[in-house]
Amino acid sequence: MAEEIKSLDALKGAVETADVDLSVLEDAAEPREPVRDELGRSYATGKRKDAVARVWIKPGSGKVTVNGKDLNTYFARPVLQMILRQPFTVAGVEDQFDVMATVKGGGLSGQAGAVKHGVSKALQLYDPSLRAALKAAGFLTRDSRVVERKKFGKRKARRSFQFSKR
């Protein structure tokens, strides 16, 4: 059994003499390898609310296709188009990658968020050096906010039925 430590000096001595396995730390510091298929594409799945997007990116001219339609046709609102372009802007690679995405479920806002999440993950798989910028912007984390469920005895999730005095 280990000897009992009764003072801070004894603790400091025990810590200094402890064997530290540095090989574990060296393995964690290895650079990440790019993940690409035989066609030179990277694939990732993005999720937001009830929407799930499957995203492929490859080097190109910046063409974005969602469910077989052009970006401006599928996401007509400029805000949704801006959401989709955010990962490229943060990473500094605008108009360098073509995006092909299929998205199902949810509404347009959730689908735009899902494609953004998928694009971010695919970018960091294609070029691991972009990971730091994307992670700092929070694009690699799935936004876990979803619609709250309706409770019994309530009209909606939290809204009560209207009170009637008579």
N, C-alpha and C. Protein backbone atom coordinates (compact mmCIF):
# COMPACT_ATOMS: atom_id res chain seq x y z
N MET A 1 0.82 -1.18 0.00
CA MET A 1 0.00 0.00 0.00
C MET A 1 0.87 1.25 0.00
N ALA A 2 0.35 2.34 -0.59
CA ALA A 2 1.12 3.59 -0.68
C ALA A 2 1.27 4.22 0.69
N GLU A 3 2.38 4.94 0.86
CA GLU A 3 2.61 5.59 2.15
C GLU A 3 1.67 6.78 2.30
N GLU A 4 1.34 7.13 3.51
CA GLU A 4 0.39 8.19 3.80
C GLU A 4 1.10 9.54 3.67
N ILE A 5 0.43 10.50 3.05
CA ILE A 5 0.98 11.83 2.86
C ILE A 5 0.37 12.75 3.90
N LYS A 6 1.22 13.37 4.72
CA LYS A 6 0.72 14.19 5.83
C LYS A 6 1.01 15.68 5.65
N SER A 7 1.84 16.08 4.68
CA SER A 7 2.13 17.51 4.49
C SER A 7 2.24 17.82 3.00
N LEU A 8 2.24 19.11 2.69
CA LEU A 8 2.35 19.52 1.30
C LEU A 8 3.71 19.17 0.70
N ASP A 9 4.76 19.23 1.53
CA ASP A 9 6.09 18.86 1.04
C ASP A 9 6.14 17.39 0.64
N ALA A 10 5.48 16.55 1.44
CA ALA A 10 5.45 15.13 1.13
C ALA A 10 4.65 14.89 -0.16
N LEU A 11 3.58 15.68 -0.34
CA LEU A 11 2.76 15.56 -1.56
C LEU A 11 3.59 15.97 -2.77
N LYS A 12 4.33 17.08 -2.65
CA LYS A 12 5.17 17.55 -3.76
C LYS A 12 6.23 16.51 -4.12
N GLY A 13 6.83 15.90 -3.13
CA GLY A 13 7.83 14.86 -3.37
C GLY A 13 7.22 13.64 -4.04
N ALA A 14 6.00 13.29 -3.63
CA ALA A 14 5.34 12.12 -4.22
C ALA A 14 4.99 12.37 -5.69
N VAL A 15 4.57 13.60 -6.00
CA VAL A 15 4.20 13.93 -7.37
C VAL A 15 5.44 13.95 -8.27
N GLU A 16 6.56 14.49 -7.76
CA GLU A 16 7.78 14.56 -8.55
C GLU A 16 8.35 13.18 -8.85
N THR A 17 8.17 12.23 -7.95
CA THR A 17 8.74 10.91 -8.15
C THR A 17 7.81 9.97 -8.91
N ALA A 18 6.58 10.42 -9.15
CA ALA A 18 5.62 9.55 -9.84
C ALA A 18 6.08 9.33 -11.28
N ASP A 19 5.90 8.10 -11.76
CA ASP A 19 6.26 7.76 -13.13
C ASP A 19 5.17 8.26 -14.07
N VAL A 20 5.55 9.08 -15.04
CA VAL A 20 4.59 9.61 -16.01
C VAL A 20 4.89 8.97 -17.35
N ASP A 21 3.83 8.38 -17.96
CA ASP A 21 3.98 7.72 -19.26
C ASP A 21 3.81 8.77 -20.35
N LEU A 22 4.92 9.24 -20.91
CA LEU A 22 4.88 10.30 -21.91
C LEU A 22 4.45 9.80 -23.28
N SER A 23 4.49 8.50 -23.53
CA SER A 23 4.10 7.98 -24.84
C SER A 23 2.62 8.22 -25.10
N VAL A 24 1.79 8.24 -24.05
CA VAL A 24 0.36 8.50 -24.22
C VAL A 24 0.16 9.93 -24.68
N LEU A 25 0.92 10.87 -24.11
CA LEU A 25 0.79 12.27 -24.51
C LEU A 25 1.28 12.50 -25.93
N GLU A 26 2.32 11.80 -26.35
CA GLU A 26 2.84 11.96 -27.71
C GLU A 26 1.86 11.44 -28.74
N ASP A 27 1.14 10.34 -28.41
CA ASP A 27 0.17 9.80 -29.35
C ASP A 27 -0.97 10.78 -29.57
N ALA A 28 -1.38 11.49 -28.51
CA ALA A 28 -2.49 12.42 -28.63
C ALA A 28 -2.12 13.64 -29.46
N ALA A 29 -0.84 13.97 -29.57
CA ALA A 29 -0.40 15.16 -30.29
C ALA A 29 -0.16 14.90 -31.77
N GLU A 30 -0.39 13.68 -32.24
CA GLU A 30 -0.17 13.37 -33.65
C GLU A 30 -1.13 14.18 -34.52
N PRO A 31 -0.65 14.69 -35.66
CA PRO A 31 -1.55 15.45 -36.54
C PRO A 31 -2.61 14.55 -37.15
N ARG A 32 -3.77 15.14 -37.40
CA ARG A 32 -4.88 14.37 -37.99
C ARG A 32 -4.63 14.18 -39.48
N GLU A 33 -5.10 13.06 -39.99
CA GLU A 33 -4.97 12.76 -41.41
C GLU A 33 -6.26 13.16 -42.13
N PRO A 34 -6.15 13.69 -43.35
CA PRO A 34 -7.36 13.99 -44.11
C PRO A 34 -8.13 12.71 -44.43
N VAL A 35 -9.45 12.81 -44.42
CA VAL A 35 -10.31 11.66 -44.74
C VAL A 35 -11.04 11.97 -46.04
N ARG A 36 -10.64 11.27 -47.12
CA ARG A 36 -11.24 11.49 -48.44
C ARG A 36 -11.50 10.15 -49.11
N ASP A 37 -12.54 10.09 -49.96
CA ASP A 37 -12.82 8.85 -50.68
C ASP A 37 -12.01 8.80 -51.98
N GLU A 38 -12.25 7.77 -52.80
CA GLU A 38 -11.46 7.59 -54.02
C GLU A 38 -11.71 8.68 -55.05
N LEU A 39 -12.82 9.43 -54.91
CA LEU A 39 -13.11 10.53 -55.83
C LEU A 39 -12.62 11.88 -55.30
N GLY A 40 -11.93 11.87 -54.16
CA GLY A 40 -11.39 13.09 -53.59
C GLY A 40 -12.40 13.91 -52.81
N ARG A 41 -13.49 13.26 -52.37
CA ARG A 41 -14.53 13.96 -51.61
C ARG A 41 -14.44 13.61 -50.14
N SER A 42 -14.98 14.50 -49.31
CA SER A 42 -15.14 14.21 -47.88
C SER A 42 -16.63 14.20 -47.58
N TYR A 43 -17.04 13.29 -46.70
CA TYR A 43 -18.45 13.11 -46.36
C TYR A 43 -18.66 13.34 -44.88
N ALA A 44 -19.78 13.97 -44.54
CA ALA A 44 -20.14 14.14 -43.13
C ALA A 44 -21.66 14.25 -43.02
N THR A 45 -22.16 13.95 -41.84
CA THR A 45 -23.58 14.06 -41.54
C THR A 45 -23.78 15.21 -40.57
N GLY A 46 -24.71 16.10 -40.90
CA GLY A 46 -25.03 17.22 -40.02
C GLY A 46 -26.45 17.10 -39.52
N LYS A 47 -26.69 17.54 -38.29
CA LYS A 47 -28.03 17.46 -37.72
C LYS A 47 -28.40 18.76 -37.02
N ARG A 48 -29.69 19.10 -37.08
CA ARG A 48 -30.23 20.27 -36.40
C ARG A 48 -31.73 20.08 -36.26
N LYS A 49 -32.26 20.21 -35.06
CA LYS A 49 -33.67 19.95 -34.77
C LYS A 49 -34.02 18.56 -35.29
N ASP A 50 -34.99 18.46 -36.21
CA ASP A 50 -35.36 17.14 -36.75
C ASP A 50 -34.74 16.89 -38.12
N ALA A 51 -33.91 17.80 -38.59
CA ALA A 51 -33.33 17.68 -39.93
C ALA A 51 -32.00 16.94 -39.89
N VAL A 52 -31.79 16.09 -40.89
CA VAL A 52 -30.53 15.36 -41.04
C VAL A 52 -30.01 15.60 -42.45
N ALA A 53 -28.77 16.05 -42.55
CA ALA A 53 -28.17 16.36 -43.86
C ALA A 53 -26.96 15.47 -44.09
N ARG A 54 -26.91 14.88 -45.28
CA ARG A 54 -25.72 14.13 -45.72
C ARG A 54 -24.99 15.03 -46.70
N VAL A 55 -23.72 15.33 -46.41
CA VAL A 55 -22.98 16.35 -47.16
C VAL A 55 -21.69 15.77 -47.72
N TRP A 56 -21.45 16.00 -49.01
CA TRP A 56 -20.19 15.67 -49.66
C TRP A 56 -19.57 16.97 -50.14
N ILE A 57 -18.26 17.16 -49.89
CA ILE A 57 -17.57 18.33 -50.44
C ILE A 57 -16.37 17.85 -51.24
N LYS A 58 -16.07 18.61 -52.30
CA LYS A 58 -14.89 18.34 -53.12
C LYS A 58 -14.38 19.67 -53.66
N PRO A 59 -13.10 19.74 -54.02
CA PRO A 59 -12.58 20.99 -54.56
C PRO A 59 -13.33 21.38 -55.82
N GLY A 60 -13.63 22.66 -55.95
CA GLY A 60 -14.38 23.12 -57.11
C GLY A 60 -14.52 24.62 -57.13
N SER A 61 -15.64 25.09 -57.71
CA SER A 61 -15.84 26.52 -57.94
C SER A 61 -16.81 27.16 -56.95
N GLY A 62 -17.28 26.41 -55.96
CA GLY A 62 -18.20 26.98 -54.98
C GLY A 62 -19.66 26.70 -55.27
N LYS A 63 -19.95 25.72 -56.13
CA LYS A 63 -21.33 25.37 -56.47
C LYS A 63 -21.94 24.56 -55.33
N VAL A 64 -23.13 24.96 -54.87
CA VAL A 64 -23.81 24.27 -53.77
C VAL A 64 -25.11 23.70 -54.31
N THR A 65 -25.28 22.37 -54.15
CA THR A 65 -26.49 21.69 -54.59
C THR A 65 -27.14 21.02 -53.38
N VAL A 66 -28.42 21.32 -53.14
CA VAL A 66 -29.15 20.73 -52.02
C VAL A 66 -30.35 19.99 -52.59
N ASN A 67 -30.43 18.69 -52.36
CA ASN A 67 -31.51 17.84 -52.87
C ASN A 67 -31.70 18.02 -54.38
N GLY A 68 -30.60 18.13 -55.11
CA GLY A 68 -30.66 18.24 -56.56
C GLY A 68 -30.98 19.63 -57.08
N LYS A 69 -31.19 20.60 -56.19
CA LYS A 69 -31.51 21.97 -56.61
C LYS A 69 -30.37 22.90 -56.23
N ASP A 70 -30.30 24.03 -56.93
CA ASP A 70 -29.30 25.04 -56.63
C ASP A 70 -29.60 25.66 -55.26
N LEU A 71 -28.56 26.18 -54.61
CA LEU A 71 -28.71 26.79 -53.28
C LEU A 71 -29.76 27.88 -53.28
N ASN A 72 -29.74 28.78 -54.28
CA ASN A 72 -30.68 29.90 -54.32
C ASN A 72 -32.12 29.46 -54.55
N THR A 73 -32.30 28.30 -55.17
CA THR A 73 -33.64 27.78 -55.40
C THR A 73 -34.18 27.09 -54.16
N TYR A 74 -33.37 26.24 -53.54
CA TYR A 74 -33.84 25.46 -52.38
C TYR A 74 -34.00 26.35 -51.15
N PHE A 75 -32.97 27.14 -50.83
CA PHE A 75 -33.05 28.07 -49.71
C PHE A 75 -33.21 29.47 -50.29
N ALA A 76 -34.46 29.89 -50.51
CA ALA A 76 -34.73 31.17 -51.17
C ALA A 76 -34.41 32.36 -50.28
N ARG A 77 -34.55 32.20 -48.96
CA ARG A 77 -34.30 33.33 -48.05
C ARG A 77 -32.80 33.60 -47.93
N PRO A 78 -32.39 34.85 -48.03
CA PRO A 78 -30.96 35.19 -47.95
C PRO A 78 -30.33 34.79 -46.60
N VAL A 79 -31.12 34.81 -45.54
CA VAL A 79 -30.60 34.44 -44.21
C VAL A 79 -30.15 32.98 -44.21
N LEU A 80 -30.94 32.11 -44.84
CA LEU A 80 -30.60 30.69 -44.88
C LEU A 80 -29.37 30.45 -45.74
N GLN A 81 -29.24 31.22 -46.83
CA GLN A 81 -28.05 31.11 -47.69
C GLN A 81 -26.80 31.57 -46.94
N MET A 82 -26.96 32.62 -46.11
CA MET A 82 -25.85 33.12 -45.32
C MET A 82 -25.41 32.07 -44.29
N ILE A 83 -26.39 31.40 -43.67
CA ILE A 83 -26.09 30.35 -42.68
C ILE A 83 -25.25 29.26 -43.34
N LEU A 84 -25.60 28.90 -44.57
CA LEU A 84 -24.89 27.84 -45.27
C LEU A 84 -23.46 28.23 -45.64
N ARG A 85 -23.22 29.53 -45.88
CA ARG A 85 -21.90 29.99 -46.30
C ARG A 85 -20.97 30.28 -45.12
N GLN A 86 -21.50 30.33 -43.89
CA GLN A 86 -20.69 30.68 -42.73
C GLN A 86 -19.43 29.82 -42.55
N PRO A 87 -19.51 28.48 -42.65
CA PRO A 87 -18.30 27.68 -42.45
C PRO A 87 -17.18 28.02 -43.43
N PHE A 88 -17.53 28.31 -44.68
CA PHE A 88 -16.52 28.66 -45.68
C PHE A 88 -15.87 30.01 -45.35
N THR A 89 -16.69 30.96 -44.88
CA THR A 89 -16.18 32.29 -44.53
C THR A 89 -15.22 32.21 -43.35
N VAL A 90 -15.62 31.46 -42.32
CA VAL A 90 -14.78 31.33 -41.12
C VAL A 90 -13.47 30.63 -41.45
N ALA A 91 -13.55 29.60 -42.29
CA ALA A 91 -12.34 28.84 -42.65
C ALA A 91 -11.50 29.58 -43.70
N GLY A 92 -12.09 30.59 -44.36
CA GLY A 92 -11.35 31.35 -45.37
C GLY A 92 -11.19 30.61 -46.68
N VAL A 93 -12.18 29.79 -47.05
CA VAL A 93 -12.09 29.00 -48.28
C VAL A 93 -13.33 29.20 -49.16
N GLU A 94 -13.81 30.47 -49.27
CA GLU A 94 -14.99 30.73 -50.09
C GLU A 94 -14.71 30.36 -51.54
N ASP A 95 -15.71 29.78 -52.20
CA ASP A 95 -15.65 29.42 -53.62
C ASP A 95 -14.50 28.49 -53.98
N GLN A 96 -14.08 27.64 -53.05
CA GLN A 96 -13.03 26.66 -53.32
C GLN A 96 -13.56 25.23 -53.29
N PHE A 97 -14.79 25.04 -52.78
CA PHE A 97 -15.35 23.69 -52.65
C PHE A 97 -16.75 23.64 -53.24
N ASP A 98 -17.05 22.53 -53.92
CA ASP A 98 -18.41 22.24 -54.36
C ASP A 98 -19.08 21.40 -53.28
N VAL A 99 -20.35 21.67 -53.03
CA VAL A 99 -21.09 20.97 -51.98
C VAL A 99 -22.27 20.26 -52.63
N MET A 100 -22.44 18.97 -52.29
CA MET A 100 -23.61 18.22 -52.71
C MET A 100 -24.24 17.67 -51.44
N ALA A 101 -25.47 18.10 -51.15
CA ALA A 101 -26.11 17.71 -49.90
C ALA A 101 -27.50 17.16 -50.16
N THR A 102 -27.87 16.16 -49.38
CA THR A 102 -29.25 15.69 -49.34
C THR A 102 -29.72 15.86 -47.91
N VAL A 103 -30.88 16.46 -47.75
CA VAL A 103 -31.37 16.77 -46.41
C VAL A 103 -32.82 16.34 -46.29
N LYS A 104 -33.15 15.75 -45.13
CA LYS A 104 -34.51 15.27 -44.88
C LYS A 104 -34.95 15.72 -43.50
N GLY A 105 -36.25 15.89 -43.35
CA GLY A 105 -36.84 16.18 -42.04
C GLY A 105 -36.77 17.65 -41.67
N GLY A 106 -37.63 18.04 -40.73
CA GLY A 106 -37.61 19.40 -40.21
C GLY A 106 -38.08 20.42 -41.22
N GLY A 107 -37.90 21.69 -40.87
CA GLY A 107 -38.26 22.80 -41.74
C GLY A 107 -37.02 23.37 -42.40
N LEU A 108 -37.21 24.46 -43.13
CA LEU A 108 -36.10 25.03 -43.88
C LEU A 108 -34.98 25.53 -42.96
N SER A 109 -35.35 26.15 -41.84
CA SER A 109 -34.34 26.67 -40.93
C SER A 109 -33.51 25.54 -40.32
N GLY A 110 -34.17 24.48 -39.90
CA GLY A 110 -33.45 23.33 -39.36
C GLY A 110 -32.59 22.65 -40.41
N GLN A 111 -33.10 22.60 -41.64
CA GLN A 111 -32.34 21.99 -42.72
C GLN A 111 -31.09 22.80 -43.05
N ALA A 112 -31.22 24.13 -43.03
CA ALA A 112 -30.05 24.99 -43.28
C ALA A 112 -29.00 24.78 -42.19
N GLY A 113 -29.44 24.68 -40.95
CA GLY A 113 -28.51 24.42 -39.84
C GLY A 113 -27.85 23.06 -39.95
N ALA A 114 -28.62 22.07 -40.42
CA ALA A 114 -28.07 20.72 -40.58
C ALA A 114 -27.01 20.69 -41.68
N VAL A 115 -27.26 21.38 -42.78
CA VAL A 115 -26.28 21.42 -43.88
C VAL A 115 -25.03 22.17 -43.42
N LYS A 116 -25.22 23.25 -42.66
CA LYS A 116 -24.08 24.00 -42.12
C LYS A 116 -23.21 23.12 -41.23
N HIS A 117 -23.86 22.33 -40.36
CA HIS A 117 -23.14 21.42 -39.47
C HIS A 117 -22.39 20.36 -40.29
N GLY A 118 -23.06 19.81 -41.31
CA GLY A 118 -22.43 18.80 -42.16
C GLY A 118 -21.26 19.36 -42.96
N VAL A 119 -21.41 20.57 -43.48
CA VAL A 119 -20.33 21.20 -44.25
C VAL A 119 -19.13 21.44 -43.34
N SER A 120 -19.38 21.90 -42.12
CA SER A 120 -18.29 22.16 -41.18
C SER A 120 -17.51 20.89 -40.87
N LYS A 121 -18.25 19.80 -40.60
CA LYS A 121 -17.59 18.53 -40.29
C LYS A 121 -16.82 18.00 -41.50
N ALA A 122 -17.40 18.14 -42.70
CA ALA A 122 -16.73 17.65 -43.90
C ALA A 122 -15.48 18.48 -44.20
N LEU A 123 -15.54 19.78 -43.98
CA LEU A 123 -14.36 20.64 -44.21
C LEU A 123 -13.20 20.24 -43.31
N GLN A 124 -13.50 19.98 -42.02
CA GLN A 124 -12.41 19.62 -41.12
C GLN A 124 -11.90 18.22 -41.40
N LEU A 125 -12.71 17.36 -42.01
CA LEU A 125 -12.22 16.04 -42.43
C LEU A 125 -11.35 16.17 -43.68
N TYR A 126 -11.75 17.07 -44.60
CA TYR A 126 -10.99 17.26 -45.84
C TYR A 126 -9.64 17.90 -45.55
N ASP A 127 -9.65 18.95 -44.72
CA ASP A 127 -8.42 19.66 -44.38
C ASP A 127 -8.37 19.87 -42.87
N PRO A 128 -7.68 18.99 -42.12
CA PRO A 128 -7.66 19.09 -40.66
C PRO A 128 -7.09 20.40 -40.12
N SER A 129 -6.37 21.17 -40.93
CA SER A 129 -5.84 22.45 -40.45
C SER A 129 -6.96 23.48 -40.24
N LEU A 130 -8.14 23.26 -40.85
CA LEU A 130 -9.26 24.18 -40.68
C LEU A 130 -10.03 23.93 -39.39
N ARG A 131 -9.71 22.83 -38.70
CA ARG A 131 -10.47 22.43 -37.51
C ARG A 131 -10.48 23.51 -36.42
N ALA A 132 -9.34 24.14 -36.17
CA ALA A 132 -9.25 25.12 -35.08
C ALA A 132 -10.21 26.28 -35.30
N ALA A 133 -10.27 26.82 -36.52
CA ALA A 133 -11.15 27.95 -36.81
C ALA A 133 -12.61 27.54 -36.71
N LEU A 134 -12.95 26.36 -37.24
CA LEU A 134 -14.35 25.90 -37.19
C LEU A 134 -14.79 25.60 -35.76
N LYS A 135 -13.88 25.01 -34.98
CA LYS A 135 -14.22 24.67 -33.60
C LYS A 135 -14.39 25.94 -32.75
N ALA A 136 -13.52 26.93 -33.00
CA ALA A 136 -13.61 28.19 -32.25
C ALA A 136 -14.92 28.91 -32.54
N ALA A 137 -15.42 28.78 -33.77
CA ALA A 137 -16.69 29.40 -34.14
C ALA A 137 -17.88 28.60 -33.64
N GLY A 138 -17.64 27.36 -33.16
CA GLY A 138 -18.72 26.53 -32.63
C GLY A 138 -19.50 25.78 -33.68
N PHE A 139 -18.94 25.63 -34.88
CA PHE A 139 -19.66 24.98 -35.98
C PHE A 139 -19.57 23.46 -35.94
N LEU A 140 -18.65 22.89 -35.16
CA LEU A 140 -18.51 21.44 -35.13
C LEU A 140 -19.39 20.80 -34.06
N THR A 141 -20.01 21.63 -33.22
CA THR A 141 -20.87 21.13 -32.16
C THR A 141 -22.31 21.10 -32.66
N ARG A 142 -22.99 19.98 -32.45
CA ARG A 142 -24.38 19.88 -32.88
C ARG A 142 -25.22 20.76 -31.96
N ASP A 143 -26.08 21.57 -32.54
CA ASP A 143 -26.98 22.41 -31.76
C ASP A 143 -28.09 21.52 -31.23
N SER A 144 -28.08 21.24 -29.93
CA SER A 144 -28.97 20.22 -29.37
C SER A 144 -30.36 20.75 -29.04
N ARG A 145 -30.63 22.02 -29.31
CA ARG A 145 -31.95 22.57 -28.98
C ARG A 145 -33.00 21.98 -29.91
N VAL A 146 -34.04 21.41 -29.31
CA VAL A 146 -35.15 20.86 -30.08
C VAL A 146 -36.45 21.35 -29.46
N VAL A 147 -37.56 21.13 -30.15
CA VAL A 147 -38.86 21.58 -29.66
C VAL A 147 -39.22 20.81 -28.40
N GLU A 148 -39.68 21.55 -27.40
CA GLU A 148 -40.07 20.93 -26.14
C GLU A 148 -41.39 20.19 -26.32
N ARG A 149 -41.52 19.04 -25.67
CA ARG A 149 -42.73 18.24 -25.87
C ARG A 149 -43.92 18.83 -25.13
N LYS A 150 -45.12 18.54 -25.61
CA LYS A 150 -46.34 19.00 -24.96
C LYS A 150 -46.60 18.15 -23.72
N LYS A 151 -46.97 18.83 -22.63
CA LYS A 151 -47.30 18.12 -21.39
C LYS A 151 -48.81 18.00 -21.25
N PHE A 152 -49.26 16.95 -20.59
CA PHE A 152 -50.69 16.79 -20.36
C PHE A 152 -51.14 17.84 -19.33
N GLY A 153 -52.39 18.28 -19.44
CA GLY A 153 -52.88 19.33 -18.55
C GLY A 153 -52.47 20.71 -19.00
N LYS A 154 -51.77 20.80 -20.13
CA LYS A 154 -51.35 22.09 -20.69
C LYS A 154 -51.83 22.18 -22.13
N ARG A 155 -52.02 23.42 -22.62
CA ARG A 155 -52.45 23.59 -23.99
C ARG A 155 -51.30 23.35 -24.96
N LYS A 156 -50.10 23.81 -24.58
CA LYS A 156 -48.89 23.55 -25.37
C LYS A 156 -47.84 23.00 -24.40
N ALA A 157 -46.56 23.24 -24.65
CA ALA A 157 -45.54 22.71 -23.77
C ALA A 157 -45.62 23.33 -22.38
N ARG A 158 -45.84 24.66 -22.33
CA ARG A 158 -45.92 25.35 -21.04
C ARG A 158 -47.17 26.19 -20.89
N ARG A 159 -47.85 26.53 -21.98
CA ARG A 159 -49.03 27.39 -21.96
C ARG A 159 -50.19 26.66 -21.31
N SER A 160 -50.82 27.33 -20.35
CA SER A 160 -51.99 26.73 -19.68
C SER A 160 -53.24 27.02 -20.48
N PHE A 161 -54.28 26.25 -20.19
CA PHE A 161 -55.58 26.53 -20.79
C PHE A 161 -56.08 27.85 -20.23
N GLN A 162 -56.94 28.54 -21.00
CA GLN A 162 -57.44 29.83 -20.55
C GLN A 162 -58.36 29.64 -19.36
N PHE A 163 -58.14 30.47 -18.32
CA PHE A 163 -58.95 30.38 -17.11
C PHE A 163 -60.31 31.00 -17.35
N SER A 164 -61.35 30.29 -16.90
CA SER A 164 -62.72 30.81 -17.02
C SER A 164 -63.30 30.94 -15.63
N LYS A 165 -63.65 32.18 -15.29
CA LYS A 165 -64.23 32.40 -13.95
C LYS A 165 -65.64 31.87 -13.88
N ARG A 166 -66.37 31.96 -14.97
CA ARG A 166 -67.77 31.48 -15.00
C ARG A 166 -67.97 30.52 -16.15
